[in-house]
Amino acid sequence: MKYIKQSVLILASTVFLISCFNNERNQKEKTVRNEAHTSKKYWPNGAQLVISVSMQFETGGQPEGAESPFSGTPLPKGYVDLPAESWYRYGANEGIYRMLDLWKKYDIKVTSHVVGTAAEKYPEVAKAIAAGGHEIAAHGIAWDNQWNKNYDEELRFVKEGVDVVEKITGQKAVGYNCNWLRRSPNTLKVLQNLVFLYHIDDLSHDEPFITKVKGKNFVVIPYTLRNNDIVNIEGKHWSPDQFLAQLKFEFDRLYEEGASKRRMMSISFHDRIGGNPAIVHAMEEFIRYTKEKQGVVFMRKDDIAKMVMNDPNTPIDNSEDQYNR
């Protein structure tokens, strides 16, 4: 009986030790799998979240009666709204330069969609943007609609703007932004014909994607209305604190998602709005906030487009195939 008890104890001990060993091995295997999952990089450059800032330069390109703080009480037709004109001049006199100082302080490169007539009227501003190492992208020759132009009219409109800005800055645009994003069914075919690499007039994804234009790859770098000064600051009259809170909430969610999928955060500023002292201060607070996390990279949109163009992990979305054939 004594030996039977000893045998049972020995057997129980052996089973317990084997169980412990198996549990430890399973736990290690689970840890390795989790580490492999969390360490997977969804961007070719190994980032967890890419942030891209747009800095639109439009001052001097606006039409008569363009949106302003005084739009609610417009002057009769034929009368010049001098305070509204001065509001636009703020972008060239103060706003762009204040933002350029901020990007330089933190070594951030942004994309600036430049209206051709703005560059003509303020060539020194356009040159300063290019000299800072920022991308010069296209925004038309004038602040005007494209959705109502035929193919040839639109082609001339886009090309004239590209040529004017290239002559002033030395940079040939490869990225495009329409007035209020409202492109025509021909816009992407026009851009492809002019050897553009990407456009931003799309809100359908939180990552870059490929669309086919006449059977060839064309990159879409999605724009934002959520993190956009003209929509939230000027349109909804948000305070800088509200805008900063929006940026932080968006960043936190996209950064978390970036551990398991490719995520990009887009932020948009306009010379006369985003360049005011309070908004620049809020943006600086946000930049500092992002530096608390690893794997956060600020990038120009042309660099993003080049990086994802031939990446097999870049999704393809042909939702607008009927227009792009």
C-alpha atoms as a PDB file:
ATOM      1  CA  MET A   1       0.000   0.000   0.000  1.00  0.00           C
ATOM      2  CA  LYS A   2       2.867   2.298   0.878  1.00  0.00           C
ATOM      3  CA  TYR A   3       4.467   1.765  -2.524  1.00  0.00           C
ATOM      4  CA  ILE A   4       1.161   2.377  -4.283  1.00  0.00           C
ATOM      5  CA  LYS A   5       0.790   5.748  -2.535  1.00  0.00           C
ATOM      6  CA  GLN A   6       4.359   6.694  -3.441  1.00  0.00           C
ATOM      7  CA  SER A   7       3.779   5.713  -7.056  1.00  0.00           C
ATOM      8  CA  VAL A   8       0.608   7.777  -7.192  1.00  0.00           C
ATOM      9  CA  LEU A   9       2.411  10.788  -5.713  1.00  0.00           C
ATOM     10  CA  ILE A  10       5.285  10.411  -8.164  1.00  0.00           C
ATOM     11  CA  LEU A  11       2.858  10.102 -11.095  1.00  0.00           C
ATOM     12  CA  ALA A  12       0.872  13.139  -9.932  1.00  0.00           C
ATOM     13  CA  SER A  13       4.049  15.163  -9.542  1.00  0.00           C
ATOM     14  CA  THR A  14       5.203  14.149 -13.010  1.00  0.00           C
ATOM     15  CA  VAL A  15       1.873  15.113 -14.560  1.00  0.00           C
ATOM     16  CA  PHE A  16       1.974  18.444 -12.730  1.00  0.00           C
ATOM     17  CA  LEU A  17       5.519  19.202 -13.914  1.00  0.00           C
ATOM     18  CA  ILE A  18       4.657  18.263 -17.504  1.00  0.00           C
ATOM     19  CA  SER A  19       1.578  20.460 -17.312  1.00  0.00           C
ATOM     20  CA  CYS A  20       3.626  23.376 -16.002  1.00  0.00           C
ATOM     21  CA  PHE A  21       6.191  22.859 -18.738  1.00  0.00           C
ATOM     22  CA  ASN A  22       3.520  22.755 -21.428  1.00  0.00           C
ATOM     23  CA  ASN A  23       1.826  25.863 -20.052  1.00  0.00           C
ATOM     24  CA  GLU A  24       5.134  27.704 -20.005  1.00  0.00           C
ATOM     25  CA  ARG A  25       5.923  26.589 -23.561  1.00  0.00           C
ATOM     26  CA  ASN A  26       2.451  27.594 -24.789  1.00  0.00           C
ATOM     27  CA  GLN A  27       2.790  30.956 -23.092  1.00  0.00           C
ATOM     28  CA  LYS A  28       6.169  31.521 -24.733  1.00  0.00           C
ATOM     29  CA  GLU A  29       4.783  30.543 -28.136  1.00  0.00           C
ATOM     30  CA  LYS A  30       1.827  32.891 -27.613  1.00  0.00           C
ATOM     31  CA  THR A  31       4.180  35.704 -26.621  1.00  0.00           C
ATOM     32  CA  VAL A  32       6.312  35.110 -29.721  1.00  0.00           C
ATOM     33  CA  ARG A  33       3.213  35.145 -31.916  1.00  0.00           C
ATOM     34  CA  ASN A  34       1.959  38.348 -30.293  1.00  0.00           C
ATOM     35  CA  GLU A  35       5.351  40.013 -30.659  1.00  0.00           C
ATOM     36  CA  ALA A  36       5.498  38.964 -34.297  1.00  0.00           C
ATOM     37  CA  HIS A  37       2.011  40.421 -34.809  1.00  0.00           C
ATOM     38  CA  THR A  38       2.671  43.707 -33.052  1.00  0.00           C
ATOM     39  CA  SER A  39       6.076  44.137 -34.672  1.00  0.00           C
ATOM     40  CA  LYS A  40       4.704  43.767 -38.191  1.00  0.00           C
ATOM     41  CA  LYS A  41       5.178  46.965 -40.152  1.00  0.00           C
ATOM     42  CA  TYR A  42       2.443  48.101 -42.502  1.00  0.00           C
ATOM     43  CA  TRP A  43       4.370  51.010 -44.006  1.00  0.00           C
ATOM     44  CA  PRO A  44       7.439  50.398 -46.167  1.00  0.00           C
ATOM     45  CA  ASN A  45       9.404  52.769 -43.926  1.00  0.00           C
ATOM     46  CA  GLY A  46       8.403  50.891 -40.752  1.00  0.00           C
ATOM     47  CA  ALA A  47       6.185  53.672 -39.365  1.00  0.00           C
ATOM     48  CA  GLN A  48       3.160  52.936 -37.220  1.00  0.00           C
ATOM     49  CA  LEU A  49       1.446  56.161 -38.270  1.00  0.00           C
ATOM     50  CA  VAL A  50       2.268  58.600 -41.048  1.00  0.00           C
ATOM     51  CA  ILE A  51       1.049  62.193 -40.675  1.00  0.00           C
ATOM     52  CA  SER A  52       0.847  64.467 -43.707  1.00  0.00           C
ATOM     53  CA  VAL A  53       0.202  68.193 -43.462  1.00  0.00           C
ATOM     54  CA  SER A  54      -1.239  70.326 -46.270  1.00  0.00           C
ATOM     55  CA  MET A  55      -0.427  74.044 -46.266  1.00  0.00           C
ATOM     56  CA  GLN A  56      -2.543  75.634 -48.987  1.00  0.00           C
ATOM     57  CA  PHE A  57      -1.206  78.878 -50.477  1.00  0.00           C
ATOM     58  CA  GLU A  58      -4.140  80.740 -52.044  1.00  0.00           C
ATOM     59  CA  THR A  59      -3.711  84.424 -51.164  1.00  0.00           C
ATOM     60  CA  GLY A  60      -4.000  86.532 -54.298  1.00  0.00           C
ATOM     61  CA  GLY A  61      -5.782  83.828 -56.237  1.00  0.00           C
ATOM     62  CA  GLN A  62      -9.216  84.334 -54.714  1.00  0.00           C
ATOM     63  CA  PRO A  63     -12.089  85.598 -56.903  1.00  0.00           C
ATOM     64  CA  GLU A  64     -14.254  88.599 -56.105  1.00  0.00           C
ATOM     65  CA  GLY A  65     -16.713  87.758 -53.326  1.00  0.00           C
ATOM     66  CA  ALA A  66     -14.751  84.733 -52.104  1.00  0.00           C
ATOM     67  CA  GLU A  67     -15.546  83.341 -48.656  1.00  0.00           C
ATOM     68  CA  SER A  68     -14.389  85.548 -45.803  1.00  0.00           C
ATOM     69  CA  PRO A  69     -15.391  86.457 -42.218  1.00  0.00           C
ATOM     70  CA  PHE A  70     -17.733  89.005 -43.825  1.00  0.00           C
ATOM     71  CA  SER A  71     -19.540  86.618 -46.176  1.00  0.00           C
ATOM     72  CA  GLY A  72     -22.676  86.780 -44.021  1.00  0.00           C
ATOM     73  CA  THR A  73     -23.111  90.455 -44.895  1.00  0.00           C
ATOM     74  CA  PRO A  74     -21.756  90.829 -48.445  1.00  0.00           C
ATOM     75  CA  LEU A  75     -21.430  94.227 -50.051  1.00  0.00           C
ATOM     76  CA  PRO A  76     -23.555  95.053 -53.108  1.00  0.00           C
ATOM     77  CA  LYS A  77     -22.124  93.816 -56.398  1.00  0.00           C
ATOM     78  CA  GLY A  78     -19.500  96.146 -57.816  1.00  0.00           C
ATOM     79  CA  TYR A  79     -18.180  97.322 -54.434  1.00  0.00           C
ATOM     80  CA  VAL A  80     -14.763  96.135 -53.231  1.00  0.00           C
ATOM     81  CA  ASP A  81     -14.741  94.520 -49.774  1.00  0.00           C
ATOM     82  CA  LEU A  82     -11.461  95.967 -48.518  1.00  0.00           C
ATOM     83  CA  PRO A  83     -11.445  94.264 -45.073  1.00  0.00           C
ATOM     84  CA  ALA A  84     -12.022  90.884 -46.776  1.00  0.00           C
ATOM     85  CA  GLU A  85      -9.112  91.562 -49.117  1.00  0.00           C
ATOM     86  CA  SER A  86      -6.895  92.408 -46.144  1.00  0.00           C
ATOM     87  CA  TRP A  87      -7.937  89.133 -44.467  1.00  0.00           C
ATOM     88  CA  TYR A  88      -6.553  87.234 -47.457  1.00  0.00           C
ATOM     89  CA  ARG A  89      -3.351  89.282 -47.467  1.00  0.00           C
ATOM     90  CA  TYR A  90      -2.727  88.079 -43.927  1.00  0.00           C
ATOM     91  CA  GLY A  91      -1.922  84.659 -45.378  1.00  0.00           C
ATOM     92  CA  ALA A  92       0.946  86.016 -47.489  1.00  0.00           C
ATOM     93  CA  ASN A  93       2.165  88.585 -44.980  1.00  0.00           C
ATOM     94  CA  GLU A  94       2.052  86.520 -41.793  1.00  0.00           C
ATOM     95  CA  GLY A  95       0.407  83.098 -42.019  1.00  0.00           C
ATOM     96  CA  ILE A  96       2.705  81.188 -44.360  1.00  0.00           C
ATOM     97  CA  TYR A  97       5.858  82.524 -42.714  1.00  0.00           C
ATOM     98  CA  ARG A  98       4.631  81.656 -39.220  1.00  0.00           C
ATOM     99  CA  MET A  99       3.874  78.096 -40.319  1.00  0.00           C
ATOM    100  CA  LEU A 100       7.222  77.816 -42.090  1.00  0.00           C
ATOM    101  CA  ASP A 101       8.946  78.762 -38.833  1.00  0.00           C
ATOM    102  CA  LEU A 102       7.055  75.993 -37.033  1.00  0.00           C
ATOM    103  CA  TRP A 103       7.922  73.320 -39.621  1.00  0.00           C
ATOM    104  CA  LYS A 104      11.566  74.371 -39.517  1.00  0.00           C
ATOM    105  CA  LYS A 105      11.673  74.199 -35.720  1.00  0.00           C
ATOM    106  CA  TYR A 106      10.591  70.542 -35.752  1.00  0.00           C
ATOM    107  CA  ASP A 107      12.175  69.559 -39.079  1.00  0.00           C
ATOM    108  CA  ILE A 108       8.781  68.724 -40.625  1.00  0.00           C
ATOM    109  CA  LYS A 109       8.243  68.784 -44.370  1.00  0.00           C
ATOM    110  CA  VAL A 110       4.740  69.555 -45.634  1.00  0.00           C
ATOM    111  CA  THR A 111       2.903  69.700 -48.937  1.00  0.00           C
ATOM    112  CA  SER A 112       1.781  73.108 -50.197  1.00  0.00           C
ATOM    113  CA  HIS A 113      -0.836  73.218 -52.952  1.00  0.00           C
ATOM    114  CA  VAL A 114      -0.174  76.555 -54.614  1.00  0.00           C
ATOM    115  CA  VAL A 115      -2.639  78.534 -56.747  1.00  0.00           C
ATOM    116  CA  GLY A 116      -0.836  79.848 -59.827  1.00  0.00           C
ATOM    117  CA  THR A 117      -2.004  83.443 -59.488  1.00  0.00           C
ATOM    118  CA  ALA A 118      -1.047  83.422 -55.786  1.00  0.00           C
ATOM    119  CA  ALA A 119       2.517  82.516 -56.755  1.00  0.00           C
ATOM    120  CA  GLU A 120       2.515  85.210 -59.427  1.00  0.00           C
ATOM    121  CA  LYS A 121       1.349  87.879 -56.987  1.00  0.00           C
ATOM    122  CA  TYR A 122       3.608  86.747 -54.115  1.00  0.00           C
ATOM    123  CA  PRO A 123       6.585  84.995 -55.741  1.00  0.00           C
ATOM    124  CA  GLU A 124       8.719  85.503 -52.645  1.00  0.00           C
ATOM    125  CA  VAL A 125       6.247  83.443 -50.582  1.00  0.00           C
ATOM    126  CA  ALA A 126       6.177  80.589 -53.089  1.00  0.00           C
ATOM    127  CA  LYS A 127       9.980  80.606 -53.213  1.00  0.00           C
ATOM    128  CA  ALA A 128      10.202  80.552 -49.409  1.00  0.00           C
ATOM    129  CA  ILE A 129       7.996  77.445 -49.285  1.00  0.00           C
ATOM    130  CA  ALA A 130      10.177  75.652 -51.824  1.00  0.00           C
ATOM    131  CA  ALA A 131      13.387  76.800 -50.120  1.00  0.00           C
ATOM    132  CA  GLY A 132      12.188  75.188 -46.887  1.00  0.00           C
ATOM    133  CA  GLY A 133      12.253  71.762 -48.521  1.00  0.00           C
ATOM    134  CA  HIS A 134       8.489  71.517 -48.784  1.00  0.00           C
ATOM    135  CA  GLU A 135       6.573  70.012 -51.662  1.00  0.00           C
ATOM    136  CA  ILE A 136       5.147  72.424 -54.203  1.00  0.00           C
ATOM    137  CA  ALA A 137       1.924  70.845 -55.452  1.00  0.00           C
ATOM    138  CA  ALA A 138      -0.677  72.188 -57.882  1.00  0.00           C
ATOM    139  CA  HIS A 139      -3.963  73.943 -57.128  1.00  0.00           C
ATOM    140  CA  GLY A 140      -4.926  75.334 -60.540  1.00  0.00           C
ATOM    141  CA  ILE A 141      -3.949  78.596 -62.211  1.00  0.00           C
ATOM    142  CA  ALA A 142      -6.723  80.414 -60.318  1.00  0.00           C
ATOM    143  CA  TRP A 143      -9.199  79.798 -57.533  1.00  0.00           C
ATOM    144  CA  ASP A 144     -11.883  78.544 -59.879  1.00  0.00           C
ATOM    145  CA  ASN A 145     -14.136  75.563 -60.543  1.00  0.00           C
ATOM    146  CA  GLN A 146     -13.072  72.551 -62.593  1.00  0.00           C
ATOM    147  CA  TRP A 147     -16.224  70.455 -62.357  1.00  0.00           C
ATOM    148  CA  ASN A 148     -17.861  72.530 -65.116  1.00  0.00           C
ATOM    149  CA  LYS A 149     -14.953  72.474 -67.588  1.00  0.00           C
ATOM    150  CA  ASN A 150     -14.624  70.157 -70.556  1.00  0.00           C
ATOM    151  CA  TYR A 151     -11.480  68.053 -71.017  1.00  0.00           C
ATOM    152  CA  ASP A 152      -9.505  70.572 -73.072  1.00  0.00           C
ATOM    153  CA  GLU A 153     -10.449  73.515 -70.833  1.00  0.00           C
ATOM    154  CA  GLU A 154      -9.477  71.584 -67.741  1.00  0.00           C
ATOM    155  CA  LEU A 155      -6.189  70.468 -69.263  1.00  0.00           C
ATOM    156  CA  ARG A 156      -5.235  74.083 -70.037  1.00  0.00           C
ATOM    157  CA  PHE A 157      -6.336  75.222 -66.563  1.00  0.00           C
ATOM    158  CA  VAL A 158      -4.190  72.662 -64.772  1.00  0.00           C
ATOM    159  CA  LYS A 159      -1.162  72.933 -67.050  1.00  0.00           C
ATOM    160  CA  GLU A 160      -1.048  76.723 -66.911  1.00  0.00           C
ATOM    161  CA  GLY A 161      -0.981  76.625 -63.126  1.00  0.00           C
ATOM    162  CA  VAL A 162       1.772  74.001 -63.080  1.00  0.00           C
ATOM    163  CA  ASP A 163       3.922  75.924 -65.562  1.00  0.00           C
ATOM    164  CA  VAL A 164       3.563  79.255 -63.758  1.00  0.00           C
ATOM    165  CA  VAL A 165       4.479  77.846 -60.343  1.00  0.00           C
ATOM    166  CA  GLU A 166       7.359  75.763 -61.732  1.00  0.00           C
ATOM    167  CA  LYS A 167       8.836  78.855 -63.368  1.00  0.00           C
ATOM    168  CA  ILE A 168       8.761  80.691 -60.025  1.00  0.00           C
ATOM    169  CA  THR A 169       9.820  77.895 -57.640  1.00  0.00           C
ATOM    170  CA  GLY A 170      11.778  75.492 -59.831  1.00  0.00           C
ATOM    171  CA  GLN A 171       9.531  72.611 -58.722  1.00  0.00           C
ATOM    172  CA  LYS A 172       7.226  70.783 -61.122  1.00  0.00           C
ATOM    173  CA  ALA A 173       4.096  69.620 -59.314  1.00  0.00           C
ATOM    174  CA  VAL A 174       3.222  65.916 -59.221  1.00  0.00           C
ATOM    175  CA  GLY A 175       0.276  66.239 -56.808  1.00  0.00           C
ATOM    176  CA  TYR A 176      -3.052  67.991 -57.290  1.00  0.00           C
ATOM    177  CA  ASN A 177      -5.913  69.565 -55.318  1.00  0.00           C
ATOM    178  CA  CYS A 178      -9.061  70.990 -56.972  1.00  0.00           C
ATOM    179  CA  ASN A 179     -10.964  73.980 -55.657  1.00  0.00           C
ATOM    180  CA  TRP A 180     -13.129  72.603 -52.828  1.00  0.00           C
ATOM    181  CA  LEU A 181     -12.102  69.096 -53.994  1.00  0.00           C
ATOM    182  CA  ARG A 182     -14.758  69.270 -56.705  1.00  0.00           C
ATOM    183  CA  ARG A 183     -13.135  67.661 -59.721  1.00  0.00           C
ATOM    184  CA  SER A 184     -14.799  66.692 -62.956  1.00  0.00           C
ATOM    185  CA  PRO A 185     -15.173  63.167 -64.366  1.00  0.00           C
ATOM    186  CA  ASN A 186     -12.156  64.007 -66.563  1.00  0.00           C
ATOM    187  CA  THR A 187      -9.807  65.316 -63.862  1.00  0.00           C
ATOM    188  CA  LEU A 188      -7.802  62.153 -63.229  1.00  0.00           C
ATOM    189  CA  LYS A 189      -7.391  61.550 -66.946  1.00  0.00           C
ATOM    190  CA  VAL A 190      -6.139  65.133 -67.294  1.00  0.00           C
ATOM    191  CA  LEU A 191      -3.696  64.630 -64.423  1.00  0.00           C
ATOM    192  CA  GLN A 192      -2.418  61.357 -65.808  1.00  0.00           C
ATOM    193  CA  ASN A 193      -1.914  63.003 -69.212  1.00  0.00           C
ATOM    194  CA  LEU A 194       0.183  65.694 -67.505  1.00  0.00           C
ATOM    195  CA  VAL A 195       2.269  63.031 -65.684  1.00  0.00           C
ATOM    196  CA  PHE A 196       0.942  63.694 -62.183  1.00  0.00           C
ATOM    197  CA  LEU A 197       1.623  61.035 -59.567  1.00  0.00           C
ATOM    198  CA  TYR A 198      -1.310  61.564 -57.191  1.00  0.00           C
ATOM    199  CA  HIS A 199      -4.307  63.670 -56.207  1.00  0.00           C
ATOM    200  CA  ILE A 200      -5.927  64.363 -52.819  1.00  0.00           C
ATOM    201  CA  ASP A 201      -9.566  65.093 -53.686  1.00  0.00           C
ATOM    202  CA  ASP A 202     -10.971  61.987 -52.022  1.00  0.00           C
ATOM    203  CA  LEU A 203     -12.309  61.288 -48.523  1.00  0.00           C
ATOM    204  CA  SER A 204     -12.952  57.552 -48.738  1.00  0.00           C
ATOM    205  CA  HIS A 205      -9.972  56.036 -46.852  1.00  0.00           C
ATOM    206  CA  ASP A 206      -7.595  56.571 -43.939  1.00  0.00           C
ATOM    207  CA  GLU A 207      -4.640  55.306 -45.984  1.00  0.00           C
ATOM    208  CA  PRO A 208      -3.243  55.907 -49.469  1.00  0.00           C
ATOM    209  CA  PHE A 209      -4.563  53.690 -52.227  1.00  0.00           C
ATOM    210  CA  ILE A 210      -4.275  53.016 -55.931  1.00  0.00           C
ATOM    211  CA  THR A 211      -6.947  53.668 -58.525  1.00  0.00           C
ATOM    212  CA  LYS A 212      -6.697  52.711 -62.169  1.00  0.00           C
ATOM    213  CA  VAL A 213      -6.786  55.518 -64.746  1.00  0.00           C
ATOM    214  CA  LYS A 214      -6.874  54.219 -68.306  1.00  0.00           C
ATOM    215  CA  GLY A 215      -5.540  50.945 -66.932  1.00  0.00           C
ATOM    216  CA  LYS A 216      -2.522  52.509 -65.189  1.00  0.00           C
ATOM    217  CA  ASN A 217      -1.874  53.018 -61.480  1.00  0.00           C
ATOM    218  CA  PHE A 218      -2.641  56.440 -60.021  1.00  0.00           C
ATOM    219  CA  VAL A 219      -2.149  57.191 -56.325  1.00  0.00           C
ATOM    220  CA  VAL A 220      -4.823  58.732 -54.119  1.00  0.00           C
ATOM    221  CA  ILE A 221      -3.617  60.423 -50.911  1.00  0.00           C
ATOM    222  CA  PRO A 222      -6.904  61.036 -49.045  1.00  0.00           C
ATOM    223  CA  TYR A 223      -7.689  64.552 -47.849  1.00  0.00           C
ATOM    224  CA  THR A 224      -9.459  65.512 -44.630  1.00  0.00           C
ATOM    225  CA  LEU A 225     -12.455  67.560 -43.590  1.00  0.00           C
ATOM    226  CA  ARG A 226     -12.159  66.433 -39.972  1.00  0.00           C
ATOM    227  CA  ASN A 227      -8.751  68.015 -39.324  1.00  0.00           C
ATOM    228  CA  ASN A 228      -9.228  71.017 -41.573  1.00  0.00           C
ATOM    229  CA  ASP A 229      -8.940  74.642 -40.464  1.00  0.00           C
ATOM    230  CA  ILE A 230     -11.229  76.082 -43.134  1.00  0.00           C
ATOM    231  CA  VAL A 231     -13.984  73.646 -42.166  1.00  0.00           C
ATOM    232  CA  ASN A 232     -13.647  73.721 -38.380  1.00  0.00           C
ATOM    233  CA  ILE A 233     -12.017  77.034 -37.476  1.00  0.00           C
ATOM    234  CA  GLU A 234     -13.552  79.288 -40.100  1.00  0.00           C
ATOM    235  CA  GLY A 235     -16.678  77.263 -40.892  1.00  0.00           C
ATOM    236  CA  LYS A 236     -17.715  75.991 -37.443  1.00  0.00           C
ATOM    237  CA  HIS A 237     -15.912  78.676 -35.401  1.00  0.00           C
ATOM    238  CA  TRP A 238     -14.041  76.177 -33.262  1.00  0.00           C
ATOM    239  CA  SER A 239     -11.611  77.469 -30.683  1.00  0.00           C
ATOM    240  CA  PRO A 240      -7.935  76.449 -30.912  1.00  0.00           C
ATOM    241  CA  ASP A 241      -8.556  74.139 -27.920  1.00  0.00           C
ATOM    242  CA  GLN A 242     -11.335  72.349 -29.782  1.00  0.00           C
ATOM    243  CA  PHE A 243      -9.153  71.951 -32.847  1.00  0.00           C
ATOM    244  CA  LEU A 244      -6.287  70.597 -30.741  1.00  0.00           C
ATOM    245  CA  ALA A 245      -8.615  68.125 -29.021  1.00  0.00           C
ATOM    246  CA  GLN A 246      -9.809  66.897 -32.425  1.00  0.00           C
ATOM    247  CA  LEU A 247      -6.227  66.342 -33.565  1.00  0.00           C
ATOM    248  CA  LYS A 248      -5.315  64.443 -30.412  1.00  0.00           C
ATOM    249  CA  PHE A 249      -8.398  62.208 -30.496  1.00  0.00           C
ATOM    250  CA  GLU A 250      -7.845  61.414 -34.167  1.00  0.00           C
ATOM    251  CA  PHE A 251      -4.159  60.724 -33.568  1.00  0.00           C
ATOM    252  CA  ASP A 252      -4.799  58.398 -30.617  1.00  0.00           C
ATOM    253  CA  ARG A 253      -7.269  56.254 -32.542  1.00  0.00           C
ATOM    254  CA  LEU A 254      -5.247  56.069 -35.758  1.00  0.00           C
ATOM    255  CA  TYR A 255      -2.033  55.320 -33.845  1.00  0.00           C
ATOM    256  CA  GLU A 256      -3.731  52.425 -32.076  1.00  0.00           C
ATOM    257  CA  GLU A 257      -5.127  51.110 -35.359  1.00  0.00           C
ATOM    258  CA  GLY A 258      -1.685  51.506 -36.910  1.00  0.00           C
ATOM    259  CA  ALA A 259      -0.462  48.503 -34.925  1.00  0.00           C
ATOM    260  CA  SER A 260      -2.559  46.191 -37.108  1.00  0.00           C
ATOM    261  CA  LYS A 261      -3.136  48.069 -40.376  1.00  0.00           C
ATOM    262  CA  ARG A 262      -1.739  50.911 -42.477  1.00  0.00           C
ATOM    263  CA  ARG A 263      -3.006  54.254 -41.186  1.00  0.00           C
ATOM    264  CA  MET A 264      -2.398  57.838 -42.311  1.00  0.00           C
ATOM    265  CA  MET A 265      -3.485  61.061 -40.612  1.00  0.00           C
ATOM    266  CA  SER A 266      -4.116  64.101 -42.777  1.00  0.00           C
ATOM    267  CA  ILE A 267      -4.149  67.686 -41.473  1.00  0.00           C
ATOM    268  CA  SER A 268      -5.046  70.742 -43.561  1.00  0.00           C
ATOM    269  CA  PHE A 269      -4.125  74.403 -43.082  1.00  0.00           C
ATOM    270  CA  HIS A 270      -4.820  77.444 -45.244  1.00  0.00           C
ATOM    271  CA  ASP A 271      -2.478  80.419 -45.272  1.00  0.00           C
ATOM    272  CA  ARG A 272      -4.888  83.015 -43.797  1.00  0.00           C
ATOM    273  CA  ILE A 273      -6.456  80.655 -41.212  1.00  0.00           C
ATOM    274  CA  GLY A 274      -3.970  78.036 -40.049  1.00  0.00           C
ATOM    275  CA  GLY A 275      -1.223  80.639 -39.959  1.00  0.00           C
ATOM    276  CA  ASN A 276      -2.745  82.676 -37.130  1.00  0.00           C
ATOM    277  CA  PRO A 277      -0.853  82.644 -33.805  1.00  0.00           C
ATOM    278  CA  ALA A 278      -3.347  80.588 -31.797  1.00  0.00           C
ATOM    279  CA  ILE A 279      -3.691  77.815 -34.382  1.00  0.00           C
ATOM    280  CA  VAL A 280       0.062  77.584 -34.884  1.00  0.00           C
ATOM    281  CA  HIS A 281       0.413  77.340 -31.106  1.00  0.00           C
ATOM    282  CA  ALA A 282      -2.172  74.529 -31.036  1.00  0.00           C
ATOM    283  CA  MET A 283      -0.329  72.720 -33.824  1.00  0.00           C
ATOM    284  CA  GLU A 284       2.939  72.981 -31.927  1.00  0.00           C
ATOM    285  CA  GLU A 285       1.245  71.423 -28.906  1.00  0.00           C
ATOM    286  CA  PHE A 286       0.051  68.617 -31.150  1.00  0.00           C
ATOM    287  CA  ILE A 287       3.517  68.031 -32.607  1.00  0.00           C
ATOM    288  CA  ARG A 288       4.931  67.694 -29.097  1.00  0.00           C
ATOM    289  CA  TYR A 289       2.115  65.285 -28.255  1.00  0.00           C
ATOM    290  CA  THR A 290       2.981  63.043 -31.207  1.00  0.00           C
ATOM    291  CA  LYS A 291       6.626  62.896 -30.150  1.00  0.00           C
ATOM    292  CA  GLU A 292       5.617  60.918 -27.055  1.00  0.00           C
ATOM    293  CA  LYS A 293       4.970  57.908 -29.320  1.00  0.00           C
ATOM    294  CA  GLN A 294       7.380  55.788 -31.338  1.00  0.00           C
ATOM    295  CA  GLY A 295       6.924  55.161 -35.037  1.00  0.00           C
ATOM    296  CA  VAL A 296       5.259  58.488 -35.913  1.00  0.00           C
ATOM    297  CA  VAL A 297       6.540  60.056 -39.129  1.00  0.00           C
ATOM    298  CA  PHE A 298       5.592  63.365 -40.793  1.00  0.00           C
ATOM    299  CA  MET A 299       5.864  63.134 -44.597  1.00  0.00           C
ATOM    300  CA  ARG A 300       5.275  65.115 -47.779  1.00  0.00           C
ATOM    301  CA  LYS A 301       2.540  63.677 -49.956  1.00  0.00           C
ATOM    302  CA  ASP A 302       4.760  63.149 -52.985  1.00  0.00           C
ATOM    303  CA  ASP A 303       7.114  61.048 -50.850  1.00  0.00           C
ATOM    304  CA  ILE A 304       4.167  59.005 -49.589  1.00  0.00           C
ATOM    305  CA  ALA A 305       2.923  58.455 -53.138  1.00  0.00           C
ATOM    306  CA  LYS A 306       6.329  57.314 -54.369  1.00  0.00           C
ATOM    307  CA  MET A 307       6.669  54.954 -51.418  1.00  0.00           C
ATOM    308  CA  VAL A 308       3.311  53.206 -51.867  1.00  0.00           C
ATOM    309  CA  MET A 309       2.973  53.282 -55.659  1.00  0.00           C
ATOM    310  CA  ASN A 310       4.656  49.911 -56.220  1.00  0.00           C
ATOM    311  CA  ASP A 311       4.064  48.407 -52.781  1.00  0.00           C
ATOM    312  CA  PRO A 312       1.980  45.219 -53.215  1.00  0.00           C
ATOM    313  CA  ASN A 313       0.283  45.939 -49.870  1.00  0.00           C
ATOM    314  CA  THR A 314      -1.246  49.193 -51.169  1.00  0.00           C
ATOM    315  CA  PRO A 315      -4.991  48.618 -51.666  1.00  0.00           C
ATOM    316  CA  ILE A 316      -6.634  49.151 -55.047  1.00  0.00           C
ATOM    317  CA  ASP A 317     -10.011  50.901 -55.183  1.00  0.00           C
ATOM    318  CA  ASN A 318     -11.664  51.357 -58.567  1.00  0.00           C
ATOM    319  CA  SER A 319     -14.940  52.814 -57.305  1.00  0.00           C
ATOM    320  CA  GLU A 320     -14.740  55.521 -59.994  1.00  0.00           C
ATOM    321  CA  ASP A 321     -13.807  53.196 -62.830  1.00  0.00           C
ATOM    322  CA  GLN A 322     -16.692  54.472 -64.982  1.00  0.00           C
ATOM    323  CA  TYR A 323     -15.012  57.890 -65.155  1.00  0.00           C
ATOM    324  CA  ASN A 324     -11.379  56.781 -65.439  1.00  0.00           C
ATOM    325  CA  ARG A 325     -11.462  54.469 -68.439  1.00  0.00           C
END
